[in-house]
Amino acid sequence: MNEFAKATRAMSEFGVATEARTLRIQRMLPGPIERVWAYLTESDKRGKWLAAGEMDLRIGGRVELNFHHADLTPHAERPPDKYKELECGFSMFGRITRCDPPQLLSYTWNEGKGDPSEVTFELRPQGSDVLLVLTHRRLPDRPTMLSVAGGWHAHLGILIDRLEGREPGPFWSTHARLEAEYDKRLPPD
């Protein structure tokens, strides 16, 4: 698939606000489900599309996410000014709230910074593919929701590229474009 077709497909698969401060994004991923689960839970695989870090897969277990966006793709680019503090990477922590391998994983997001939000990954086999339903709840405000929507959309695009054996496109320019598009699509406050 060429770059234009990939970008067009990604742009047509926008997440939606299912309720106040809740974002849901669905993606069809190449299976099997155990492989997708590994990309959600194993540090080395998760680090190729989102963030590396240890994950204690039990209710109450600790989640560590060490983000290094510059390492996700071979495209060298600086983050937009509003994300400049993330240029050298950053870490966040959470706790597992639900875990039913290989179908369900939920954890708090960014504990220690106010009320944490929660992200849930649901996996459902669909023939040889896997339907991923990602739900991010309790986002504190619309600007955060826009950033998170653009971020998840861009990260999931990288995950799809990794699972399909393709070189992913750039992260930050994709995120900026998607965040602006979500600003048009998600409901105002």
C-alpha atoms as a PDB file:
ATOM      1  CA  MET A   1       0.000   0.000   0.000  1.00  0.00           C
ATOM      2  CA  ASN A   2       1.445   3.399  -0.947  1.00  0.00           C
ATOM      3  CA  GLU A   3       1.802   6.330   1.479  1.00  0.00           C
ATOM      4  CA  PHE A   4      -1.250   8.148   0.102  1.00  0.00           C
ATOM      5  CA  ALA A   5      -3.469   5.086   0.475  1.00  0.00           C
ATOM      6  CA  LYS A   6      -2.209   4.481   4.025  1.00  0.00           C
ATOM      7  CA  ALA A   7      -2.822   8.109   4.991  1.00  0.00           C
ATOM      8  CA  THR A   8      -6.289   8.050   3.418  1.00  0.00           C
ATOM      9  CA  ARG A   9      -7.204   4.831   5.243  1.00  0.00           C
ATOM     10  CA  ALA A  10      -5.955   6.216   8.554  1.00  0.00           C
ATOM     11  CA  MET A  11      -7.804   9.499   8.040  1.00  0.00           C
ATOM     12  CA  SER A  12     -11.091   7.647   7.406  1.00  0.00           C
ATOM     13  CA  GLU A  13     -10.897   5.699  10.666  1.00  0.00           C
ATOM     14  CA  PHE A  14     -11.411   8.438  13.220  1.00  0.00           C
ATOM     15  CA  GLY A  15     -12.256   7.769  16.803  1.00  0.00           C
ATOM     16  CA  VAL A  16     -15.496   9.055  18.290  1.00  0.00           C
ATOM     17  CA  ALA A  17     -16.583  10.567  21.582  1.00  0.00           C
ATOM     18  CA  THR A  18     -18.916   7.975  23.068  1.00  0.00           C
ATOM     19  CA  GLU A  19     -19.720  10.135  26.090  1.00  0.00           C
ATOM     20  CA  ALA A  20     -18.268  13.191  27.789  1.00  0.00           C
ATOM     21  CA  ARG A  21     -14.469  12.899  27.955  1.00  0.00           C
ATOM     22  CA  THR A  22     -14.415   9.376  26.471  1.00  0.00           C
ATOM     23  CA  LEU A  23     -12.763   8.472  23.170  1.00  0.00           C
ATOM     24  CA  ARG A  24     -13.232   5.164  21.332  1.00  0.00           C
ATOM     25  CA  ILE A  25     -11.135   4.068  18.354  1.00  0.00           C
ATOM     26  CA  GLN A  26     -11.492   0.763  16.485  1.00  0.00           C
ATOM     27  CA  ARG A  27      -8.922  -0.870  14.253  1.00  0.00           C
ATOM     28  CA  MET A  28      -8.736  -4.173  12.407  1.00  0.00           C
ATOM     29  CA  LEU A  29      -5.285  -5.664  12.972  1.00  0.00           C
ATOM     30  CA  PRO A  30      -3.572  -8.675  11.431  1.00  0.00           C
ATOM     31  CA  GLY A  31      -3.731 -11.575  13.904  1.00  0.00           C
ATOM     32  CA  PRO A  32      -3.548 -13.867  15.582  1.00  0.00           C
ATOM     33  CA  ILE A  33      -4.876 -12.417  18.835  1.00  0.00           C
ATOM     34  CA  GLU A  34      -1.867 -13.689  20.842  1.00  0.00           C
ATOM     35  CA  ARG A  35       0.463 -11.666  18.612  1.00  0.00           C
ATOM     36  CA  VAL A  36      -1.574  -8.488  19.090  1.00  0.00           C
ATOM     37  CA  TRP A  37      -1.712  -9.123  22.856  1.00  0.00           C
ATOM     38  CA  ALA A  38       2.088  -9.352  22.886  1.00  0.00           C
ATOM     39  CA  TYR A  39       2.311  -5.918  21.188  1.00  0.00           C
ATOM     40  CA  LEU A  40       0.104  -4.499  23.953  1.00  0.00           C
ATOM     41  CA  THR A  41       1.853  -6.120  26.905  1.00  0.00           C
ATOM     42  CA  GLU A  42       5.493  -6.908  26.116  1.00  0.00           C
ATOM     43  CA  SER A  43       7.861  -3.983  26.618  1.00  0.00           C
ATOM     44  CA  ASP A  44      10.069  -4.601  23.572  1.00  0.00           C
ATOM     45  CA  LYS A  45       7.105  -4.925  21.211  1.00  0.00           C
ATOM     46  CA  ARG A  46       5.056  -2.096  22.767  1.00  0.00           C
ATOM     47  CA  GLY A  47       8.136   0.134  22.553  1.00  0.00           C
ATOM     48  CA  LYS A  48       8.026  -0.154  18.756  1.00  0.00           C
ATOM     49  CA  TRP A  49       4.653   1.616  18.484  1.00  0.00           C
ATOM     50  CA  LEU A  50       3.783   3.285  21.815  1.00  0.00           C
ATOM     51  CA  ALA A  51       6.102   3.118  24.824  1.00  0.00           C
ATOM     52  CA  ALA A  52       8.385   0.529  26.401  1.00  0.00           C
ATOM     53  CA  GLY A  53       8.233  -0.305  30.100  1.00  0.00           C
ATOM     54  CA  GLU A  54       7.407  -3.075  32.491  1.00  0.00           C
ATOM     55  CA  MET A  55       3.829  -4.208  32.999  1.00  0.00           C
ATOM     56  CA  ASP A  56       2.759  -6.443  35.897  1.00  0.00           C
ATOM     57  CA  LEU A  57      -0.187  -8.255  34.294  1.00  0.00           C
ATOM     58  CA  ARG A  58      -2.483  -8.635  37.304  1.00  0.00           C
ATOM     59  CA  ILE A  59      -5.213  -6.484  38.840  1.00  0.00           C
ATOM     60  CA  GLY A  60      -3.401  -3.737  40.753  1.00  0.00           C
ATOM     61  CA  GLY A  61      -0.137  -4.453  38.904  1.00  0.00           C
ATOM     62  CA  ARG A  62       2.067  -1.522  37.962  1.00  0.00           C
ATOM     63  CA  VAL A  63       2.289  -0.184  34.412  1.00  0.00           C
ATOM     64  CA  GLU A  64       5.322   1.825  33.329  1.00  0.00           C
ATOM     65  CA  LEU A  65       5.291   3.618  29.974  1.00  0.00           C
ATOM     66  CA  ASN A  66       8.537   5.194  28.773  1.00  0.00           C
ATOM     67  CA  PHE A  67       7.777   7.286  25.695  1.00  0.00           C
ATOM     68  CA  HIS A  68      10.535   8.039  23.150  1.00  0.00           C
ATOM     69  CA  HIS A  69       8.651   9.267  20.108  1.00  0.00           C
ATOM     70  CA  ALA A  70      11.880   9.846  18.161  1.00  0.00           C
ATOM     71  CA  ASP A  71      12.526   6.081  18.229  1.00  0.00           C
ATOM     72  CA  LEU A  72       9.128   5.003  16.849  1.00  0.00           C
ATOM     73  CA  THR A  73       9.894   5.708  13.201  1.00  0.00           C
ATOM     74  CA  PRO A  74      12.996   6.340  11.093  1.00  0.00           C
ATOM     75  CA  HIS A  75      11.745   9.868  10.313  1.00  0.00           C
ATOM     76  CA  ALA A  76      13.691  12.539  12.189  1.00  0.00           C
ATOM     77  CA  GLU A  77      11.406  15.354  13.248  1.00  0.00           C
ATOM     78  CA  ARG A  78      11.025  17.579  16.264  1.00  0.00           C
ATOM     79  CA  PRO A  79       7.782  17.762  18.196  1.00  0.00           C
ATOM     80  CA  PRO A  80       5.544  20.802  17.788  1.00  0.00           C
ATOM     81  CA  ASP A  81       6.312  23.621  20.234  1.00  0.00           C
ATOM     82  CA  LYS A  82       3.475  22.676  22.582  1.00  0.00           C
ATOM     83  CA  TYR A  83       5.051  19.202  22.989  1.00  0.00           C
ATOM     84  CA  LYS A  84       8.672  20.401  23.097  1.00  0.00           C
ATOM     85  CA  GLU A  85       9.115  19.124  26.684  1.00  0.00           C
ATOM     86  CA  LEU A  86       8.535  15.591  25.336  1.00  0.00           C
ATOM     87  CA  GLU A  87      11.427  15.745  22.859  1.00  0.00           C
ATOM     88  CA  CYS A  88      13.824  13.737  25.045  1.00  0.00           C
ATOM     89  CA  GLY A  89      11.135  11.319  26.169  1.00  0.00           C
ATOM     90  CA  PHE A  90       9.020  11.031  29.293  1.00  0.00           C
ATOM     91  CA  SER A  91       7.561   8.371  31.552  1.00  0.00           C
ATOM     92  CA  MET A  92       4.159   7.799  33.065  1.00  0.00           C
ATOM     93  CA  PHE A  93       2.752   5.183  35.382  1.00  0.00           C
ATOM     94  CA  GLY A  94      -0.533   3.445  36.010  1.00  0.00           C
ATOM     95  CA  ARG A  95      -2.183   0.418  37.578  1.00  0.00           C
ATOM     96  CA  ILE A  96      -3.928  -2.509  35.908  1.00  0.00           C
ATOM     97  CA  THR A  97      -7.661  -2.320  36.556  1.00  0.00           C
ATOM     98  CA  ARG A  98      -8.806  -5.276  34.392  1.00  0.00           C
ATOM     99  CA  CYS A  99      -6.853  -8.080  32.780  1.00  0.00           C
ATOM    100  CA  ASP A 100      -8.251 -11.058  30.878  1.00  0.00           C
ATOM    101  CA  PRO A 101      -5.524 -12.302  28.497  1.00  0.00           C
ATOM    102  CA  PRO A 102      -5.598 -12.164  25.525  1.00  0.00           C
ATOM    103  CA  GLN A 103      -8.912 -10.300  25.232  1.00  0.00           C
ATOM    104  CA  LEU A 104      -9.009  -7.399  27.691  1.00  0.00           C
ATOM    105  CA  LEU A 105      -6.530  -5.028  29.290  1.00  0.00           C
ATOM    106  CA  SER A 106      -7.355  -1.826  31.210  1.00  0.00           C
ATOM    107  CA  TYR A 107      -5.073   0.436  33.177  1.00  0.00           C
ATOM    108  CA  THR A 108      -4.983   3.886  34.647  1.00  0.00           C
ATOM    109  CA  TRP A 109      -3.138   6.460  32.602  1.00  0.00           C
ATOM    110  CA  ASN A 110      -0.752   9.028  34.035  1.00  0.00           C
ATOM    111  CA  GLU A 111      -1.238   8.401  37.741  1.00  0.00           C
ATOM    112  CA  GLY A 112       0.176  11.043  40.034  1.00  0.00           C
ATOM    113  CA  LYS A 113      -1.060  13.954  37.891  1.00  0.00           C
ATOM    114  CA  GLY A 114      -4.540  14.659  39.214  1.00  0.00           C
ATOM    115  CA  ASP A 115      -7.279  12.118  38.616  1.00  0.00           C
ATOM    116  CA  PRO A 116      -5.881   9.532  36.209  1.00  0.00           C
ATOM    117  CA  SER A 117      -7.777   8.602  33.095  1.00  0.00           C
ATOM    118  CA  GLU A 118      -8.166   4.960  32.057  1.00  0.00           C
ATOM    119  CA  VAL A 119      -7.385   3.190  28.801  1.00  0.00           C
ATOM    120  CA  THR A 120      -8.992  -0.128  27.805  1.00  0.00           C
ATOM    121  CA  PHE A 121      -7.943  -2.448  24.991  1.00  0.00           C
ATOM    122  CA  GLU A 122     -10.494  -5.056  23.898  1.00  0.00           C
ATOM    123  CA  LEU A 123      -9.420  -7.688  21.370  1.00  0.00           C
ATOM    124  CA  ARG A 124     -11.860  -9.848  19.385  1.00  0.00           C
ATOM    125  CA  PRO A 125     -10.823 -12.402  16.749  1.00  0.00           C
ATOM    126  CA  GLN A 126     -12.364 -11.748  13.336  1.00  0.00           C
ATOM    127  CA  GLY A 127     -11.233 -14.654  11.176  1.00  0.00           C
ATOM    128  CA  SER A 128      -7.453 -14.275  10.816  1.00  0.00           C
ATOM    129  CA  ASP A 129      -7.657 -10.622  11.944  1.00  0.00           C
ATOM    130  CA  VAL A 130      -8.292  -9.045  15.321  1.00  0.00           C
ATOM    131  CA  LEU A 131     -10.670  -6.188  16.089  1.00  0.00           C
ATOM    132  CA  LEU A 132      -9.069  -3.790  18.558  1.00  0.00           C
ATOM    133  CA  VAL A 133     -11.423  -1.481  20.423  1.00  0.00           C
ATOM    134  CA  LEU A 134      -9.502   1.147  22.373  1.00  0.00           C
ATOM    135  CA  THR A 135     -11.456   3.259  24.856  1.00  0.00           C
ATOM    136  CA  HIS A 136      -9.844   6.094  26.801  1.00  0.00           C
ATOM    137  CA  ARG A 137     -12.114   7.334  29.638  1.00  0.00           C
ATOM    138  CA  ARG A 138     -12.097  10.190  32.129  1.00  0.00           C
ATOM    139  CA  LEU A 139     -10.038  12.598  30.053  1.00  0.00           C
ATOM    140  CA  PRO A 140      -9.895  15.847  32.045  1.00  0.00           C
ATOM    141  CA  ASP A 141     -10.737  18.411  29.348  1.00  0.00           C
ATOM    142  CA  ARG A 142     -11.204  18.925  25.621  1.00  0.00           C
ATOM    143  CA  PRO A 143      -7.592  19.978  24.857  1.00  0.00           C
ATOM    144  CA  THR A 144      -6.350  16.768  26.490  1.00  0.00           C
ATOM    145  CA  MET A 145      -8.954  14.761  24.601  1.00  0.00           C
ATOM    146  CA  LEU A 146      -7.769  16.260  21.292  1.00  0.00           C
ATOM    147  CA  SER A 147      -4.139  15.477  22.105  1.00  0.00           C
ATOM    148  CA  VAL A 148      -4.993  11.936  23.208  1.00  0.00           C
ATOM    149  CA  ALA A 149      -7.167  11.344  20.117  1.00  0.00           C
ATOM    150  CA  GLY A 150      -4.411  12.474  17.753  1.00  0.00           C
ATOM    151  CA  GLY A 151      -1.853  10.506  19.739  1.00  0.00           C
ATOM    152  CA  TRP A 152      -3.763   7.220  19.820  1.00  0.00           C
ATOM    153  CA  HIS A 153      -4.647   7.553  16.139  1.00  0.00           C
ATOM    154  CA  ALA A 154      -0.985   8.106  15.207  1.00  0.00           C
ATOM    155  CA  HIS A 155       0.304   5.370  17.538  1.00  0.00           C
ATOM    156  CA  LEU A 156      -2.228   2.847  16.225  1.00  0.00           C
ATOM    157  CA  GLY A 157      -1.160   3.664  12.685  1.00  0.00           C
ATOM    158  CA  ILE A 158       2.405   2.784  13.672  1.00  0.00           C
ATOM    159  CA  LEU A 159       1.161  -0.437  15.316  1.00  0.00           C
ATOM    160  CA  ILE A 160      -0.614  -1.459  12.111  1.00  0.00           C
ATOM    161  CA  ASP A 161       2.516  -0.723  10.070  1.00  0.00           C
ATOM    162  CA  ARG A 162       4.649  -2.794  12.471  1.00  0.00           C
ATOM    163  CA  LEU A 163       2.218  -5.718  12.416  1.00  0.00           C
ATOM    164  CA  GLU A 164       2.087  -5.604   8.620  1.00  0.00           C
ATOM    165  CA  GLY A 165       5.889  -5.374   8.270  1.00  0.00           C
ATOM    166  CA  ARG A 166       5.918  -1.837   6.842  1.00  0.00           C
ATOM    167  CA  GLU A 167       8.049   1.145   7.732  1.00  0.00           C
ATOM    168  CA  PRO A 168       5.851   3.583   9.670  1.00  0.00           C
ATOM    169  CA  GLY A 169       5.454   7.201   8.667  1.00  0.00           C
ATOM    170  CA  PRO A 170       6.529  10.134  10.835  1.00  0.00           C
ATOM    171  CA  PHE A 171       4.925  10.503  14.259  1.00  0.00           C
ATOM    172  CA  TRP A 172       4.840  14.217  15.113  1.00  0.00           C
ATOM    173  CA  SER A 173       3.642  15.626  11.794  1.00  0.00           C
ATOM    174  CA  THR A 174       0.987  12.890  11.647  1.00  0.00           C
ATOM    175  CA  HIS A 175      -0.083  13.656  15.223  1.00  0.00           C
ATOM    176  CA  ALA A 176      -0.359  17.404  14.497  1.00  0.00           C
ATOM    177  CA  ARG A 177      -2.511  16.800  11.410  1.00  0.00           C
ATOM    178  CA  LEU A 178      -4.748  14.355  13.278  1.00  0.00           C
ATOM    179  CA  GLU A 179      -5.113  16.576  16.354  1.00  0.00           C
ATOM    180  CA  ALA A 180      -6.315  19.433  14.105  1.00  0.00           C
ATOM    181  CA  GLU A 181      -8.788  17.085  12.403  1.00  0.00           C
ATOM    182  CA  TYR A 182     -10.117  15.815  15.742  1.00  0.00           C
ATOM    183  CA  ASP A 183     -10.650  19.455  16.762  1.00  0.00           C
ATOM    184  CA  LYS A 184     -13.166  19.653  13.899  1.00  0.00           C
ATOM    185  CA  ARG A 185     -14.767  16.264  14.608  1.00  0.00           C
ATOM    186  CA  LEU A 186     -15.095  15.972  18.378  1.00  0.00           C
ATOM    187  CA  PRO A 187     -17.910  17.850  20.120  1.00  0.00           C
ATOM    188  CA  PRO A 188     -17.103  21.193  21.751  1.00  0.00           C
ATOM    189  CA  ASP A 189     -17.275  21.615  25.510  1.00  0.00           C
END
